[in-house]
Amino acid sequence: MDDSKIQPVTVLLQQWRSGDRSALDALTPIVHDELRKLAASYMRCENSGHTLQPTALLNEAYMRLAQQQKQNWESRAHFFGVAAHLMRVILVDHARSKNRAKRGAGAAKVSI
């Protein structure tokens, strides 16, 4: 892709914030590689045998980012900071879900 056609991430984030959905479409391929590296980095810190893969983590974070109603992205760094925070939240939610299942969540309660 020609570099002159690629708009800076911050400009695309501002356009997306103002309601331009096409800016999100243009932004996605630009930030995908960096978000994938971030997801892989977080997954390297997890226990081996983790059931969540970097691609799944990236996709979940992307869905949550895209669904946000009021984006107040101030810069590229702010966007990636929010994305990193969302990935950590997703990992924590995933761990809590696994622990809940391990501890019998959803099991039928039987009175003694």
N, C-alpha and C. Protein backbone atom coordinates (compact mmCIF):
# COMPACT_ATOMS: atom_id res chain seq x y z
N MET A 1 0.85 -1.18 0.00
CA MET A 1 0.00 0.00 0.00
C MET A 1 0.89 1.23 0.00
N ASP A 2 0.50 2.23 -0.75
CA ASP A 2 1.26 3.46 -0.87
C ASP A 2 1.19 4.26 0.43
N ASP A 3 2.37 4.66 0.97
CA ASP A 3 2.41 5.39 2.23
C ASP A 3 1.68 6.72 2.16
N SER A 4 1.63 7.34 0.99
CA SER A 4 0.95 8.64 0.88
C SER A 4 -0.55 8.51 1.06
N LYS A 5 -1.09 7.28 0.87
CA LYS A 5 -2.53 7.07 1.02
C LYS A 5 -2.90 6.69 2.45
N ILE A 6 -1.92 6.31 3.24
CA ILE A 6 -2.19 5.91 4.62
C ILE A 6 -2.25 7.17 5.48
N GLN A 7 -3.40 7.34 6.11
CA GLN A 7 -3.55 8.49 7.00
C GLN A 7 -2.99 8.15 8.37
N PRO A 8 -2.48 9.14 9.06
CA PRO A 8 -1.98 8.86 10.41
C PRO A 8 -3.08 8.29 11.31
N VAL A 9 -2.68 7.44 12.19
CA VAL A 9 -3.62 6.78 13.10
C VAL A 9 -4.43 7.81 13.88
N THR A 10 -3.80 8.83 14.38
CA THR A 10 -4.50 9.84 15.18
C THR A 10 -5.61 10.51 14.38
N VAL A 11 -5.35 10.82 13.12
CA VAL A 11 -6.37 11.46 12.28
C VAL A 11 -7.54 10.52 12.07
N LEU A 12 -7.26 9.25 11.80
CA LEU A 12 -8.33 8.27 11.62
C LEU A 12 -9.13 8.09 12.90
N LEU A 13 -8.45 8.09 14.04
CA LEU A 13 -9.16 7.97 15.32
C LEU A 13 -10.09 9.16 15.54
N GLN A 14 -9.66 10.34 15.19
CA GLN A 14 -10.50 11.53 15.33
C GLN A 14 -11.70 11.46 14.40
N GLN A 15 -11.49 10.98 13.19
CA GLN A 15 -12.60 10.84 12.25
C GLN A 15 -13.60 9.79 12.74
N TRP A 16 -13.08 8.71 13.30
CA TRP A 16 -13.95 7.67 13.84
C TRP A 16 -14.76 8.23 15.00
N ARG A 17 -14.10 9.01 15.86
CA ARG A 17 -14.77 9.63 17.00
C ARG A 17 -15.91 10.54 16.54
N SER A 18 -15.72 11.21 15.42
CA SER A 18 -16.76 12.12 14.92
C SER A 18 -17.86 11.38 14.17
N GLY A 19 -17.79 10.04 14.14
CA GLY A 19 -18.88 9.25 13.58
C GLY A 19 -18.62 8.67 12.20
N ASP A 20 -17.44 8.81 11.67
CA ASP A 20 -17.11 8.30 10.35
C ASP A 20 -16.73 6.82 10.45
N ARG A 21 -17.65 5.94 10.11
CA ARG A 21 -17.40 4.50 10.21
C ARG A 21 -16.35 4.04 9.19
N SER A 22 -16.21 4.77 8.08
CA SER A 22 -15.20 4.39 7.09
C SER A 22 -13.80 4.59 7.65
N ALA A 23 -13.66 5.50 8.61
CA ALA A 23 -12.36 5.70 9.26
C ALA A 23 -11.97 4.45 10.03
N LEU A 24 -12.95 3.78 10.65
CA LEU A 24 -12.67 2.53 11.36
C LEU A 24 -12.20 1.47 10.38
N ASP A 25 -12.83 1.41 9.21
CA ASP A 25 -12.41 0.44 8.19
C ASP A 25 -10.99 0.72 7.72
N ALA A 26 -10.62 1.98 7.60
CA ALA A 26 -9.26 2.35 7.18
C ALA A 26 -8.26 2.12 8.30
N LEU A 27 -8.70 2.28 9.53
CA LEU A 27 -7.82 2.15 10.70
C LEU A 27 -7.44 0.69 10.98
N THR A 28 -8.37 -0.21 10.78
CA THR A 28 -8.19 -1.61 11.15
C THR A 28 -6.91 -2.24 10.59
N PRO A 29 -6.67 -2.18 9.28
CA PRO A 29 -5.44 -2.83 8.79
C PRO A 29 -4.16 -2.15 9.26
N ILE A 30 -4.26 -0.87 9.58
CA ILE A 30 -3.06 -0.14 10.03
C ILE A 30 -2.64 -0.58 11.43
N VAL A 31 -3.61 -0.77 12.32
CA VAL A 31 -3.27 -1.09 13.72
C VAL A 31 -3.27 -2.58 14.01
N HIS A 32 -3.72 -3.40 13.07
CA HIS A 32 -3.87 -4.83 13.32
C HIS A 32 -2.56 -5.49 13.76
N ASP A 33 -1.49 -5.25 13.03
CA ASP A 33 -0.21 -5.91 13.36
C ASP A 33 0.28 -5.53 14.76
N GLU A 34 0.16 -4.28 15.10
CA GLU A 34 0.63 -3.85 16.42
C GLU A 34 -0.24 -4.44 17.53
N LEU A 35 -1.55 -4.48 17.30
CA LEU A 35 -2.45 -5.09 18.29
C LEU A 35 -2.18 -6.59 18.41
N ARG A 36 -1.87 -7.25 17.31
CA ARG A 36 -1.56 -8.68 17.34
C ARG A 36 -0.29 -8.93 18.15
N LYS A 37 0.72 -8.09 17.98
CA LYS A 37 1.95 -8.23 18.76
C LYS A 37 1.67 -8.02 20.25
N LEU A 38 0.81 -7.06 20.55
CA LEU A 38 0.44 -6.79 21.94
C LEU A 38 -0.27 -8.00 22.55
N ALA A 39 -1.21 -8.58 21.80
CA ALA A 39 -1.93 -9.76 22.29
C ALA A 39 -0.97 -10.93 22.49
N ALA A 40 -0.06 -11.14 21.57
CA ALA A 40 0.91 -12.23 21.70
C ALA A 40 1.80 -12.00 22.91
N SER A 41 2.15 -10.75 23.17
CA SER A 41 2.98 -10.43 24.33
C SER A 41 2.26 -10.78 25.64
N TYR A 42 0.98 -10.44 25.71
CA TYR A 42 0.22 -10.78 26.91
C TYR A 42 0.08 -12.29 27.07
N MET A 43 -0.11 -12.99 25.96
CA MET A 43 -0.29 -14.43 26.04
C MET A 43 0.99 -15.15 26.45
N ARG A 44 2.15 -14.59 26.12
CA ARG A 44 3.42 -15.19 26.55
C ARG A 44 3.55 -15.16 28.07
N CYS A 45 2.88 -14.22 28.71
CA CYS A 45 2.96 -14.11 30.17
C CYS A 45 1.97 -15.04 30.87
N GLU A 46 1.07 -15.65 30.11
CA GLU A 46 0.08 -16.55 30.69
C GLU A 46 0.66 -17.95 30.85
N ASN A 47 -0.03 -18.77 31.65
CA ASN A 47 0.39 -20.15 31.83
C ASN A 47 0.33 -20.91 30.52
N SER A 48 1.21 -21.89 30.37
CA SER A 48 1.14 -22.73 29.17
C SER A 48 -0.15 -23.52 29.21
N GLY A 49 -0.68 -23.81 28.06
CA GLY A 49 -1.94 -24.54 28.00
C GLY A 49 -3.15 -23.64 28.14
N HIS A 50 -2.93 -22.36 28.06
CA HIS A 50 -4.04 -21.40 28.16
C HIS A 50 -5.00 -21.65 27.00
N THR A 51 -6.29 -21.62 27.26
CA THR A 51 -7.27 -21.93 26.22
C THR A 51 -7.56 -20.75 25.30
N LEU A 52 -7.14 -19.57 25.66
CA LEU A 52 -7.34 -18.40 24.83
C LEU A 52 -6.10 -18.17 23.98
N GLN A 53 -6.29 -17.97 22.69
CA GLN A 53 -5.18 -17.74 21.76
C GLN A 53 -5.03 -16.25 21.49
N PRO A 54 -3.83 -15.81 21.07
CA PRO A 54 -3.63 -14.39 20.78
C PRO A 54 -4.63 -13.81 19.78
N THR A 55 -4.97 -14.58 18.76
CA THR A 55 -5.94 -14.10 17.77
C THR A 55 -7.31 -13.90 18.39
N ALA A 56 -7.72 -14.81 19.25
CA ALA A 56 -9.01 -14.66 19.93
C ALA A 56 -9.00 -13.45 20.85
N LEU A 57 -7.89 -13.24 21.54
CA LEU A 57 -7.76 -12.08 22.41
C LEU A 57 -7.83 -10.79 21.58
N LEU A 58 -7.13 -10.77 20.47
CA LEU A 58 -7.16 -9.61 19.58
C LEU A 58 -8.57 -9.35 19.06
N ASN A 59 -9.24 -10.39 18.61
CA ASN A 59 -10.59 -10.23 18.07
C ASN A 59 -11.57 -9.73 19.11
N GLU A 60 -11.48 -10.26 20.32
CA GLU A 60 -12.37 -9.81 21.39
C GLU A 60 -12.11 -8.35 21.74
N ALA A 61 -10.84 -7.98 21.83
CA ALA A 61 -10.50 -6.59 22.12
C ALA A 61 -10.98 -5.67 21.00
N TYR A 62 -10.79 -6.10 19.76
CA TYR A 62 -11.23 -5.29 18.62
C TYR A 62 -12.75 -5.09 18.65
N MET A 63 -13.49 -6.16 18.95
CA MET A 63 -14.95 -6.04 19.02
C MET A 63 -15.37 -5.05 20.11
N ARG A 64 -14.72 -5.12 21.24
CA ARG A 64 -15.06 -4.18 22.32
C ARG A 64 -14.69 -2.75 21.97
N LEU A 65 -13.56 -2.58 21.29
CA LEU A 65 -13.16 -1.23 20.86
C LEU A 65 -14.15 -0.67 19.84
N ALA A 66 -14.55 -1.51 18.89
CA ALA A 66 -15.45 -1.06 17.82
C ALA A 66 -16.85 -0.75 18.34
N GLN A 67 -17.25 -1.39 19.43
CA GLN A 67 -18.60 -1.21 19.97
C GLN A 67 -18.70 -0.02 20.92
N GLN A 68 -17.59 0.57 21.27
CA GLN A 68 -17.65 1.71 22.19
C GLN A 68 -18.40 2.86 21.54
N GLN A 69 -19.35 3.40 22.28
CA GLN A 69 -20.20 4.48 21.76
C GLN A 69 -19.48 5.81 21.74
N LYS A 70 -18.78 6.14 22.79
CA LYS A 70 -18.11 7.44 22.88
C LYS A 70 -16.61 7.21 22.97
N GLN A 71 -15.96 7.30 21.82
CA GLN A 71 -14.52 7.17 21.81
C GLN A 71 -13.94 8.56 21.97
N ASN A 72 -13.06 8.70 22.89
CA ASN A 72 -12.37 9.97 23.11
C ASN A 72 -10.88 9.78 22.92
N TRP A 73 -10.52 9.18 21.79
CA TRP A 73 -9.12 8.92 21.52
C TRP A 73 -8.40 10.24 21.34
N GLU A 74 -7.42 10.48 22.17
CA GLU A 74 -6.64 11.70 22.08
C GLU A 74 -5.44 11.54 21.16
N SER A 75 -4.97 10.32 21.03
CA SER A 75 -3.79 10.07 20.20
C SER A 75 -3.67 8.57 19.94
N ARG A 76 -2.70 8.26 19.14
CA ARG A 76 -2.39 6.87 18.84
C ARG A 76 -2.02 6.13 20.13
N ALA A 77 -1.20 6.75 20.95
CA ALA A 77 -0.77 6.13 22.21
C ALA A 77 -1.96 5.87 23.13
N HIS A 78 -2.90 6.80 23.17
CA HIS A 78 -4.09 6.63 24.00
C HIS A 78 -4.91 5.43 23.51
N PHE A 79 -5.07 5.32 22.20
CA PHE A 79 -5.81 4.20 21.61
C PHE A 79 -5.17 2.87 22.01
N PHE A 80 -3.85 2.77 21.83
CA PHE A 80 -3.17 1.52 22.16
C PHE A 80 -3.18 1.25 23.66
N GLY A 81 -3.17 2.30 24.47
CA GLY A 81 -3.29 2.12 25.92
C GLY A 81 -4.64 1.54 26.30
N VAL A 82 -5.69 2.05 25.68
CA VAL A 82 -7.04 1.52 25.94
C VAL A 82 -7.14 0.08 25.45
N ALA A 83 -6.58 -0.20 24.27
CA ALA A 83 -6.60 -1.57 23.74
C ALA A 83 -5.86 -2.52 24.68
N ALA A 84 -4.72 -2.10 25.20
CA ALA A 84 -3.96 -2.93 26.12
C ALA A 84 -4.76 -3.19 27.40
N HIS A 85 -5.41 -2.15 27.90
CA HIS A 85 -6.24 -2.31 29.10
C HIS A 85 -7.37 -3.31 28.83
N LEU A 86 -8.02 -3.19 27.68
CA LEU A 86 -9.10 -4.12 27.35
C LEU A 86 -8.59 -5.55 27.27
N MET A 87 -7.41 -5.75 26.72
CA MET A 87 -6.86 -7.11 26.65
C MET A 87 -6.61 -7.68 28.03
N ARG A 88 -6.12 -6.86 28.94
CA ARG A 88 -5.91 -7.33 30.31
C ARG A 88 -7.24 -7.67 30.97
N VAL A 89 -8.25 -6.85 30.75
CA VAL A 89 -9.59 -7.11 31.31
C VAL A 89 -10.14 -8.43 30.75
N ILE A 90 -9.97 -8.65 29.46
CA ILE A 90 -10.45 -9.88 28.83
C ILE A 90 -9.75 -11.09 29.44
N LEU A 91 -8.45 -11.01 29.66
CA LEU A 91 -7.70 -12.11 30.27
C LEU A 91 -8.18 -12.38 31.70
N VAL A 92 -8.43 -11.33 32.45
CA VAL A 92 -8.92 -11.49 33.82
C VAL A 92 -10.32 -12.11 33.81
N ASP A 93 -11.19 -11.63 32.93
CA ASP A 93 -12.53 -12.20 32.81
C ASP A 93 -12.48 -13.67 32.43
N HIS A 94 -11.58 -14.00 31.52
CA HIS A 94 -11.42 -15.39 31.09
C HIS A 94 -10.97 -16.27 32.26
N ALA A 95 -10.01 -15.78 33.02
CA ALA A 95 -9.51 -16.55 34.18
C ALA A 95 -10.61 -16.72 35.22
N ARG A 96 -11.36 -15.66 35.48
CA ARG A 96 -12.45 -15.76 36.45
C ARG A 96 -13.50 -16.77 35.99
N SER A 97 -13.79 -16.77 34.70
CA SER A 97 -14.77 -17.70 34.15
C SER A 97 -14.30 -19.14 34.32
N LYS A 98 -13.03 -19.38 34.03
CA LYS A 98 -12.48 -20.73 34.18
C LYS A 98 -12.51 -21.17 35.65
N ASN A 99 -12.16 -20.25 36.56
CA ASN A 99 -12.17 -20.59 37.98
C ASN A 99 -13.59 -20.84 38.48
N ARG A 100 -14.52 -20.06 37.98
CA ARG A 100 -15.92 -20.24 38.36
C ARG A 100 -16.40 -21.62 37.95
N ALA A 101 -16.07 -22.03 36.75
CA ALA A 101 -16.47 -23.34 36.26
C ALA A 101 -15.80 -24.45 37.08
N LYS A 102 -14.54 -24.23 37.44
CA LYS A 102 -13.79 -25.21 38.21
C LYS A 102 -14.37 -25.37 39.61
N ARG A 103 -14.93 -24.28 40.13
CA ARG A 103 -15.47 -24.29 41.49
C ARG A 103 -16.95 -24.67 41.55
N GLY A 104 -17.51 -25.09 40.41
CA GLY A 104 -18.88 -25.59 40.42
C GLY A 104 -19.93 -24.55 40.10
N ALA A 105 -19.59 -23.51 39.42
CA ALA A 105 -20.57 -22.51 39.04
C ALA A 105 -21.60 -23.15 38.12
N GLY A 106 -22.86 -22.86 38.37
CA GLY A 106 -23.92 -23.40 37.54
C GLY A 106 -24.36 -24.79 37.96
N ALA A 107 -23.72 -25.38 38.95
CA ALA A 107 -24.12 -26.70 39.42
C ALA A 107 -25.43 -26.58 40.19
N ALA A 108 -26.21 -27.61 40.10
CA ALA A 108 -27.50 -27.64 40.81
C ALA A 108 -27.24 -27.67 42.30
N LYS A 109 -27.95 -26.80 43.04
CA LYS A 109 -27.79 -26.76 44.50
C LYS A 109 -28.73 -27.77 45.12
N VAL A 110 -28.16 -28.55 46.03
CA VAL A 110 -28.94 -29.60 46.69
C VAL A 110 -28.94 -29.31 48.18
N SER A 111 -30.12 -29.23 48.76
CA SER A 111 -30.17 -29.00 50.21
C SER A 111 -29.90 -30.30 50.94
N ILE A 112 -29.26 -30.17 52.07
CA ILE A 112 -28.84 -31.37 52.81
C ILE A 112 -29.90 -31.71 53.84
